[in-house]
Structure formats: structure tokens, C-alpha cells
Amino acid sequence: MNDGFFERAWDVVRQIPEGRVASYGQVARLMGAPRCARQVGYAMHGSPGVTGGVPCHRVVFADGSLAPGFAFGGPGEQRRMLEVEGVGFLGDGRVDMKNFSWEA
């Protein structure tokens, strides 16, 4: 079951454009599994990463918080990758969701 779910989650995440972010819940809704945000998180943790074509660094919590132990290089790496793409942050370190959320 997880393999198909993970692939569907990765397919949605591959559509998030550079410079935009989506929440785990948004990805779950877009894949037709609105109550599965936590499972989307598992899929991102198990993804092949950017080198595998899955820009999982673009998936954040609904309030703009970043993953506490980003799986692909430590906790600061997700922010660094998003900043390189032009994503803005609020003073408290969260992504500015008002201006950088993906409108799927």
C-alpha cells in the first residue's frame, strides 16, 4: 500500500514549482487522501530527494514551519534550499505562506 501512496505523493510534489511551497495537508488533499498528511510526511522522508526528481524540501507544515530534522542534510538545509529558490521567511523562521504557497 505504501509504495503506491508514496508514488502518488511524489507525483504531486513534483508539480510544486520552484519558489513555492505546499503543506503536507495540501499534498494529501491534492492526491485525494485529505486525512493523510502524516503519511505524506513519511513519503517525503522516504523520497529519493531532489536528485530523484522529488523536491520534498518544498513541503512544509501548514503554519510554514520546516521539518525539524530535514532528512537531506540537517535542519538548516531545507531553509537554505528554499531561500536559494527565492522563498521568503517570516521573522520567526517560518515560511511566509501568504506569499509563497503554491496555488495548485
N, C-alpha and C. Protein backbone atom coordinates (compact mmCIF):
# COMPACT_ATOMS: atom_id res chain seq x y z
N MET A 1 0.81 -1.19 0.00
CA MET A 1 0.00 0.00 0.00
C MET A 1 0.86 1.26 0.00
N ASN A 2 1.91 1.28 0.82
CA ASN A 2 2.75 2.47 0.92
C ASN A 2 3.42 2.83 -0.40
N ASP A 3 3.85 1.83 -1.15
CA ASP A 3 4.54 2.14 -2.40
C ASP A 3 3.67 2.98 -3.32
N GLY A 4 2.42 2.59 -3.51
CA GLY A 4 1.52 3.35 -4.37
C GLY A 4 1.21 4.72 -3.79
N PHE A 5 1.00 4.77 -2.48
CA PHE A 5 0.73 6.04 -1.81
C PHE A 5 1.92 6.98 -1.96
N PHE A 6 3.11 6.46 -1.68
CA PHE A 6 4.32 7.28 -1.77
C PHE A 6 4.48 7.82 -3.18
N GLU A 7 4.31 6.97 -4.18
CA GLU A 7 4.45 7.40 -5.58
C GLU A 7 3.45 8.51 -5.92
N ARG A 8 2.21 8.37 -5.44
CA ARG A 8 1.21 9.41 -5.70
C ARG A 8 1.60 10.71 -5.03
N ALA A 9 2.11 10.62 -3.81
CA ALA A 9 2.55 11.83 -3.10
C ALA A 9 3.70 12.49 -3.85
N TRP A 10 4.66 11.69 -4.28
CA TRP A 10 5.81 12.23 -5.01
C TRP A 10 5.37 12.88 -6.32
N ASP A 11 4.37 12.29 -6.99
CA ASP A 11 3.87 12.87 -8.23
C ASP A 11 3.30 14.27 -8.00
N VAL A 12 2.57 14.45 -6.90
CA VAL A 12 2.04 15.78 -6.58
C VAL A 12 3.18 16.74 -6.27
N VAL A 13 4.13 16.31 -5.46
CA VAL A 13 5.23 17.18 -5.05
C VAL A 13 6.09 17.59 -6.24
N ARG A 14 6.22 16.73 -7.20
CA ARG A 14 6.99 17.08 -8.42
C ARG A 14 6.37 18.26 -9.16
N GLN A 15 5.09 18.54 -8.91
CA GLN A 15 4.40 19.63 -9.60
C GLN A 15 4.58 20.98 -8.90
N ILE A 16 5.07 20.99 -7.67
CA ILE A 16 5.25 22.25 -6.95
C ILE A 16 6.35 23.04 -7.64
N PRO A 17 6.05 24.23 -8.11
CA PRO A 17 7.07 25.00 -8.84
C PRO A 17 8.16 25.56 -7.92
N GLU A 18 9.30 25.79 -8.50
CA GLU A 18 10.40 26.43 -7.77
C GLU A 18 9.91 27.75 -7.20
N GLY A 19 10.30 28.03 -5.97
CA GLY A 19 9.91 29.28 -5.33
C GLY A 19 8.56 29.23 -4.64
N ARG A 20 7.96 28.07 -4.59
CA ARG A 20 6.67 27.88 -3.93
C ARG A 20 6.76 26.69 -2.97
N VAL A 21 5.85 26.66 -2.00
CA VAL A 21 5.77 25.55 -1.06
C VAL A 21 4.33 25.07 -0.97
N ALA A 22 4.16 23.85 -0.49
CA ALA A 22 2.85 23.29 -0.20
C ALA A 22 2.93 22.65 1.17
N SER A 23 1.79 22.58 1.85
CA SER A 23 1.77 21.91 3.15
C SER A 23 1.55 20.41 2.94
N TYR A 24 1.88 19.64 3.98
CA TYR A 24 1.65 18.20 3.94
C TYR A 24 0.16 17.92 3.69
N GLY A 25 -0.71 18.68 4.35
CA GLY A 25 -2.15 18.51 4.18
C GLY A 25 -2.62 18.84 2.78
N GLN A 26 -2.03 19.88 2.19
CA GLN A 26 -2.39 20.26 0.83
C GLN A 26 -2.02 19.14 -0.14
N VAL A 27 -0.83 18.57 0.02
CA VAL A 27 -0.42 17.45 -0.83
C VAL A 27 -1.40 16.29 -0.67
N ALA A 28 -1.78 16.00 0.58
CA ALA A 28 -2.72 14.90 0.84
C ALA A 28 -4.06 15.16 0.15
N ARG A 29 -4.57 16.38 0.25
CA ARG A 29 -5.84 16.72 -0.40
C ARG A 29 -5.74 16.58 -1.92
N LEU A 30 -4.65 17.06 -2.49
CA LEU A 30 -4.48 17.01 -3.94
C LEU A 30 -4.39 15.58 -4.47
N MET A 31 -3.93 14.67 -3.64
CA MET A 31 -3.83 13.28 -4.08
C MET A 31 -5.07 12.47 -3.71
N GLY A 32 -6.09 13.17 -3.17
CA GLY A 32 -7.35 12.51 -2.86
C GLY A 32 -7.35 11.75 -1.54
N ALA A 33 -6.45 12.11 -0.64
CA ALA A 33 -6.35 11.46 0.67
C ALA A 33 -6.29 12.54 1.76
N PRO A 34 -7.38 13.31 1.92
CA PRO A 34 -7.33 14.52 2.75
C PRO A 34 -6.96 14.32 4.21
N ARG A 35 -7.07 13.13 4.73
CA ARG A 35 -6.75 12.90 6.15
C ARG A 35 -5.39 12.21 6.33
N CYS A 36 -4.55 12.31 5.33
CA CYS A 36 -3.29 11.55 5.35
C CYS A 36 -2.04 12.42 5.32
N ALA A 37 -2.11 13.60 5.94
CA ALA A 37 -0.94 14.49 5.94
C ALA A 37 0.28 13.83 6.58
N ARG A 38 0.08 13.10 7.66
CA ARG A 38 1.20 12.44 8.32
C ARG A 38 1.86 11.43 7.38
N GLN A 39 1.05 10.69 6.64
CA GLN A 39 1.60 9.71 5.70
C GLN A 39 2.36 10.41 4.57
N VAL A 40 1.91 11.61 4.19
CA VAL A 40 2.67 12.39 3.20
C VAL A 40 4.05 12.70 3.76
N GLY A 41 4.11 13.01 5.05
CA GLY A 41 5.40 13.24 5.69
C GLY A 41 6.30 12.02 5.61
N TYR A 42 5.73 10.85 5.83
CA TYR A 42 6.51 9.62 5.70
C TYR A 42 7.02 9.45 4.27
N ALA A 43 6.16 9.79 3.32
CA ALA A 43 6.55 9.68 1.91
C ALA A 43 7.71 10.62 1.59
N MET A 44 7.65 11.85 2.15
CA MET A 44 8.73 12.80 1.90
C MET A 44 10.03 12.30 2.52
N HIS A 45 9.92 11.74 3.71
CA HIS A 45 11.12 11.22 4.38
C HIS A 45 11.71 10.05 3.59
N GLY A 46 10.87 9.29 2.92
CA GLY A 46 11.34 8.14 2.16
C GLY A 46 11.59 8.42 0.69
N SER A 47 11.51 9.69 0.31
CA SER A 47 11.65 10.02 -1.11
C SER A 47 13.10 9.95 -1.57
N PRO A 48 13.29 9.82 -2.88
CA PRO A 48 14.65 9.84 -3.41
C PRO A 48 15.27 11.23 -3.39
N GLY A 49 14.53 12.23 -2.95
CA GLY A 49 15.07 13.58 -2.85
C GLY A 49 15.13 14.30 -4.18
N VAL A 50 15.72 15.49 -4.13
CA VAL A 50 15.78 16.34 -5.32
C VAL A 50 16.51 15.64 -6.46
N THR A 51 17.56 14.91 -6.14
CA THR A 51 18.29 14.21 -7.20
C THR A 51 17.43 13.14 -7.85
N GLY A 52 16.40 12.67 -7.14
CA GLY A 52 15.46 11.71 -7.70
C GLY A 52 14.24 12.37 -8.28
N GLY A 53 14.26 13.69 -8.40
CA GLY A 53 13.17 14.41 -9.02
C GLY A 53 12.03 14.78 -8.10
N VAL A 54 12.20 14.60 -6.79
CA VAL A 54 11.15 14.92 -5.83
C VAL A 54 11.63 16.09 -4.96
N PRO A 55 11.15 17.30 -5.22
CA PRO A 55 11.60 18.45 -4.44
C PRO A 55 10.90 18.52 -3.08
N CYS A 56 11.16 17.50 -2.25
CA CYS A 56 10.45 17.38 -0.97
C CYS A 56 10.77 18.53 -0.02
N HIS A 57 11.81 19.30 -0.28
CA HIS A 57 12.11 20.46 0.56
C HIS A 57 11.03 21.52 0.43
N ARG A 58 10.18 21.42 -0.60
CA ARG A 58 9.10 22.40 -0.82
C ARG A 58 7.83 22.06 -0.04
N VAL A 59 7.87 21.00 0.76
CA VAL A 59 6.71 20.61 1.57
C VAL A 59 6.99 21.01 3.01
N VAL A 60 6.09 21.79 3.58
CA VAL A 60 6.26 22.33 4.93
C VAL A 60 4.97 22.13 5.73
N PHE A 61 5.01 22.42 7.01
CA PHE A 61 3.81 22.35 7.83
C PHE A 61 2.87 23.49 7.44
N ALA A 62 1.59 23.36 7.77
CA ALA A 62 0.57 24.33 7.36
C ALA A 62 0.87 25.74 7.86
N ASP A 63 1.54 25.85 9.00
CA ASP A 63 1.87 27.18 9.53
C ASP A 63 3.18 27.73 8.99
N GLY A 64 3.79 27.01 8.04
CA GLY A 64 5.04 27.45 7.44
C GLY A 64 6.29 26.93 8.14
N SER A 65 6.10 26.16 9.20
CA SER A 65 7.25 25.59 9.90
C SER A 65 7.95 24.56 9.03
N LEU A 66 9.24 24.45 9.23
CA LEU A 66 10.04 23.49 8.48
C LEU A 66 10.16 22.19 9.27
N ALA A 67 10.51 21.13 8.57
CA ALA A 67 10.74 19.84 9.23
C ALA A 67 11.88 19.99 10.23
N PRO A 68 11.71 19.53 11.47
CA PRO A 68 12.72 19.76 12.49
C PRO A 68 14.07 19.09 12.20
N GLY A 69 14.08 17.97 11.54
CA GLY A 69 15.35 17.31 11.23
C GLY A 69 15.39 16.95 9.77
N PHE A 70 15.33 17.94 8.92
CA PHE A 70 15.23 17.70 7.47
C PHE A 70 16.15 16.58 7.04
N ALA A 71 15.57 15.60 6.37
CA ALA A 71 16.25 14.34 6.08
C ALA A 71 17.41 14.45 5.10
N PHE A 72 17.52 15.54 4.39
CA PHE A 72 18.52 15.59 3.33
C PHE A 72 19.61 16.60 3.63
N GLY A 73 20.21 16.49 4.79
CA GLY A 73 21.35 17.35 5.08
C GLY A 73 21.25 18.14 6.37
N GLY A 74 20.36 17.80 7.24
CA GLY A 74 20.26 18.51 8.52
C GLY A 74 19.20 19.58 8.51
N PRO A 75 18.87 20.11 9.69
CA PRO A 75 17.73 21.02 9.83
C PRO A 75 17.87 22.34 9.07
N GLY A 76 19.06 22.84 8.85
CA GLY A 76 19.21 24.10 8.14
C GLY A 76 19.16 23.97 6.63
N GLU A 77 19.27 22.76 6.14
CA GLU A 77 19.36 22.55 4.69
C GLU A 77 18.05 22.87 3.98
N GLN A 78 16.92 22.54 4.57
CA GLN A 78 15.64 22.83 3.93
C GLN A 78 15.48 24.33 3.75
N ARG A 79 15.78 25.10 4.77
CA ARG A 79 15.66 26.55 4.65
C ARG A 79 16.62 27.08 3.58
N ARG A 80 17.85 26.60 3.59
CA ARG A 80 18.83 27.04 2.60
C ARG A 80 18.33 26.77 1.19
N MET A 81 17.79 25.58 0.96
CA MET A 81 17.31 25.21 -0.37
C MET A 81 16.13 26.09 -0.79
N LEU A 82 15.24 26.39 0.14
CA LEU A 82 14.10 27.25 -0.18
C LEU A 82 14.55 28.68 -0.46
N GLU A 83 15.49 29.18 0.33
CA GLU A 83 15.99 30.54 0.12
C GLU A 83 16.65 30.68 -1.24
N VAL A 84 17.38 29.65 -1.66
CA VAL A 84 18.02 29.66 -2.99
C VAL A 84 16.96 29.82 -4.07
N GLU A 85 15.77 29.24 -3.84
CA GLU A 85 14.68 29.33 -4.81
C GLU A 85 13.89 30.63 -4.69
N GLY A 86 14.22 31.47 -3.70
CA GLY A 86 13.54 32.74 -3.55
C GLY A 86 12.37 32.74 -2.58
N VAL A 87 12.18 31.66 -1.83
CA VAL A 87 11.10 31.60 -0.86
C VAL A 87 11.43 32.50 0.32
N GLY A 88 10.46 33.31 0.75
CA GLY A 88 10.65 34.24 1.85
C GLY A 88 10.22 33.65 3.19
N PHE A 89 10.82 34.15 4.24
CA PHE A 89 10.55 33.67 5.59
C PHE A 89 10.11 34.82 6.48
N LEU A 90 9.32 34.48 7.48
CA LEU A 90 8.90 35.45 8.49
C LEU A 90 10.00 35.57 9.54
N GLY A 91 9.89 36.55 10.41
CA GLY A 91 10.90 36.78 11.45
C GLY A 91 11.09 35.61 12.39
N ASP A 92 10.07 34.79 12.56
CA ASP A 92 10.18 33.65 13.49
C ASP A 92 10.70 32.38 12.81
N GLY A 93 11.12 32.49 11.54
CA GLY A 93 11.72 31.35 10.85
C GLY A 93 10.77 30.51 10.03
N ARG A 94 9.48 30.83 10.06
CA ARG A 94 8.52 30.08 9.26
C ARG A 94 8.45 30.67 7.85
N VAL A 95 8.07 29.81 6.89
CA VAL A 95 7.86 30.28 5.52
C VAL A 95 6.70 31.26 5.52
N ASP A 96 6.82 32.30 4.72
CA ASP A 96 5.74 33.27 4.52
C ASP A 96 4.69 32.61 3.62
N MET A 97 3.77 31.88 4.24
CA MET A 97 2.78 31.10 3.49
C MET A 97 1.84 32.00 2.67
N LYS A 98 1.59 33.19 3.16
CA LYS A 98 0.68 34.10 2.45
C LYS A 98 1.22 34.42 1.05
N ASN A 99 2.52 34.55 0.95
CA ASN A 99 3.13 34.96 -0.32
C ASN A 99 3.81 33.84 -1.11
N PHE A 100 4.05 32.69 -0.48
CA PHE A 100 4.82 31.65 -1.16
C PHE A 100 4.13 30.30 -1.26
N SER A 101 2.85 30.22 -0.86
CA SER A 101 2.11 28.97 -1.00
C SER A 101 1.80 28.71 -2.47
N TRP A 102 1.87 27.47 -2.84
CA TRP A 102 1.53 27.03 -4.19
C TRP A 102 0.03 27.01 -4.35
N GLU A 103 -0.46 27.67 -5.36
CA GLU A 103 -1.89 27.63 -5.68
C GLU A 103 -2.08 26.58 -6.75
N ALA A 104 -2.31 25.36 -6.31
CA ALA A 104 -2.44 24.23 -7.25
C ALA A 104 -3.71 24.32 -8.05
